[in-house]
Amino acid sequence: MSKLILMPVIDKLGPLTPAVMYEAVAAKYVKLGIHDFRKLVDAGVIPFRTHPGRTRRIYLTADLDEYLSRLPRGRIPTSEDSPSSEERGALR
């Protein structure tokens, strides 16, 4: 006799992210132009894979996420608040 498994009710699905991408989609994923993306790949900063017997490069989402996580992060100090409308020269 098989057992039934109860699954939680989901009201909507989240966006699907492909696990593997080709060059143009991978460049958009990391928000780079295609030429800048190719420079980073050629320099070895972004790794690529190839299928056996094929020449087209593929890029894993995990590798691209790792590249993005290594980028420096900026922080805005609390003293650098947005100027008020009077400081920007807004008309009243």
Protein backbone atom coordinates (compact mmCIF):
# COMPACT_ATOMS: atom_id res chain seq x y z
CA MET A 1 0.00 0.00 0.00
CA SER A 2 1.43 3.42 -0.93
CA LYS A 3 1.37 6.41 1.39
CA LEU A 4 -0.02 9.77 0.40
CA ILE A 5 2.03 12.90 0.93
CA LEU A 6 0.32 16.20 1.62
CA MET A 7 1.78 19.16 -0.27
CA PRO A 8 1.40 22.79 0.77
CA VAL A 9 -1.00 24.94 -1.25
CA ILE A 10 0.78 27.49 -3.43
CA ASP A 11 -1.12 30.45 -4.83
CA LYS A 12 1.50 31.50 -7.40
CA LEU A 13 4.74 30.23 -8.87
CA GLY A 14 8.03 32.08 -8.59
CA PRO A 15 10.07 32.99 -11.66
CA LEU A 16 12.13 30.21 -13.19
CA THR A 17 15.85 30.75 -13.50
CA PRO A 18 17.69 28.55 -15.98
CA ALA A 19 20.60 26.53 -14.63
CA VAL A 20 22.58 26.89 -17.87
CA MET A 21 22.78 29.88 -20.24
CA TYR A 22 24.42 30.76 -23.49
CA GLU A 23 26.65 33.82 -23.85
CA ALA A 24 24.09 36.55 -24.62
CA VAL A 25 21.70 35.53 -21.85
CA ALA A 26 24.58 35.12 -19.37
CA ALA A 27 25.83 38.64 -20.17
CA LYS A 28 22.36 40.04 -19.48
CA TYR A 29 22.14 38.01 -16.27
CA VAL A 30 25.25 39.72 -14.85
CA LYS A 31 24.15 43.05 -16.41
CA LEU A 32 27.16 43.49 -18.67
CA GLY A 33 27.53 44.32 -22.32
CA ILE A 34 28.56 41.41 -24.52
CA HIS A 35 32.06 42.80 -25.16
CA ASP A 36 32.79 43.41 -21.47
CA PHE A 37 31.42 39.96 -20.67
CA ARG A 38 33.73 38.35 -23.25
CA LYS A 39 36.73 40.21 -21.82
CA LEU A 40 36.01 38.81 -18.35
CA VAL A 41 35.55 35.29 -19.75
CA ASP A 42 38.80 35.53 -21.73
CA ALA A 43 40.59 36.77 -18.60
CA GLY A 44 39.28 33.78 -16.65
CA VAL A 45 37.22 35.84 -14.23
CA ILE A 46 33.96 34.20 -15.36
CA PRO A 47 34.25 30.44 -15.99
CA PHE A 48 32.58 28.65 -18.89
CA ARG A 49 31.93 25.02 -19.83
CA THR A 50 31.52 23.19 -23.11
CA HIS A 51 29.56 20.13 -24.06
CA PRO A 52 31.72 17.28 -25.36
CA GLY A 53 31.84 17.47 -29.15
CA ARG A 54 30.37 20.98 -29.31
CA THR A 55 32.03 24.36 -29.62
CA ARG A 56 29.42 26.66 -28.08
CA ARG A 57 30.22 27.79 -24.53
CA ILE A 58 27.71 27.45 -21.73
CA TYR A 59 27.62 29.33 -18.45
CA LEU A 60 26.23 27.91 -15.21
CA THR A 61 24.00 30.09 -13.08
CA ALA A 62 25.94 28.96 -10.00
CA ASP A 63 29.20 30.25 -11.54
CA LEU A 64 27.61 33.57 -12.47
CA ASP A 65 26.12 33.95 -8.99
CA GLU A 66 29.53 33.27 -7.48
CA TYR A 67 31.07 35.98 -9.71
CA LEU A 68 28.38 38.44 -8.61
CA SER A 69 28.91 37.61 -4.94
CA ARG A 70 32.64 38.41 -5.24
CA LEU A 71 31.98 41.95 -6.50
CA PRO A 72 32.63 44.74 -3.98
CA ARG A 73 29.58 46.13 -2.22
CA GLY A 74 29.17 49.81 -1.49
CA ARG A 75 27.49 51.26 1.54
CA ILE A 76 26.13 54.75 1.86
CA PRO A 77 26.88 56.27 5.26
CA THR A 78 23.93 57.78 7.11
CA SER A 79 25.48 61.25 6.78
CA GLU A 80 25.03 61.15 3.00
CA ASP A 81 21.26 61.51 3.00
CA SER A 82 19.37 62.75 0.01
CA PRO A 83 19.22 66.55 -0.06
CA SER A 84 15.90 68.16 0.81
CA SER A 85 13.87 69.91 -1.86
CA GLU A 86 15.12 73.33 -0.67
CA GLU A 87 18.75 72.21 -0.91
CA ARG A 88 18.21 70.97 -4.47
CA GLY A 89 16.83 74.32 -5.53
CA ALA A 90 13.24 73.20 -5.97
CA LEU A 91 10.67 75.90 -6.54
CA ARG A 92 7.95 76.45 -3.98
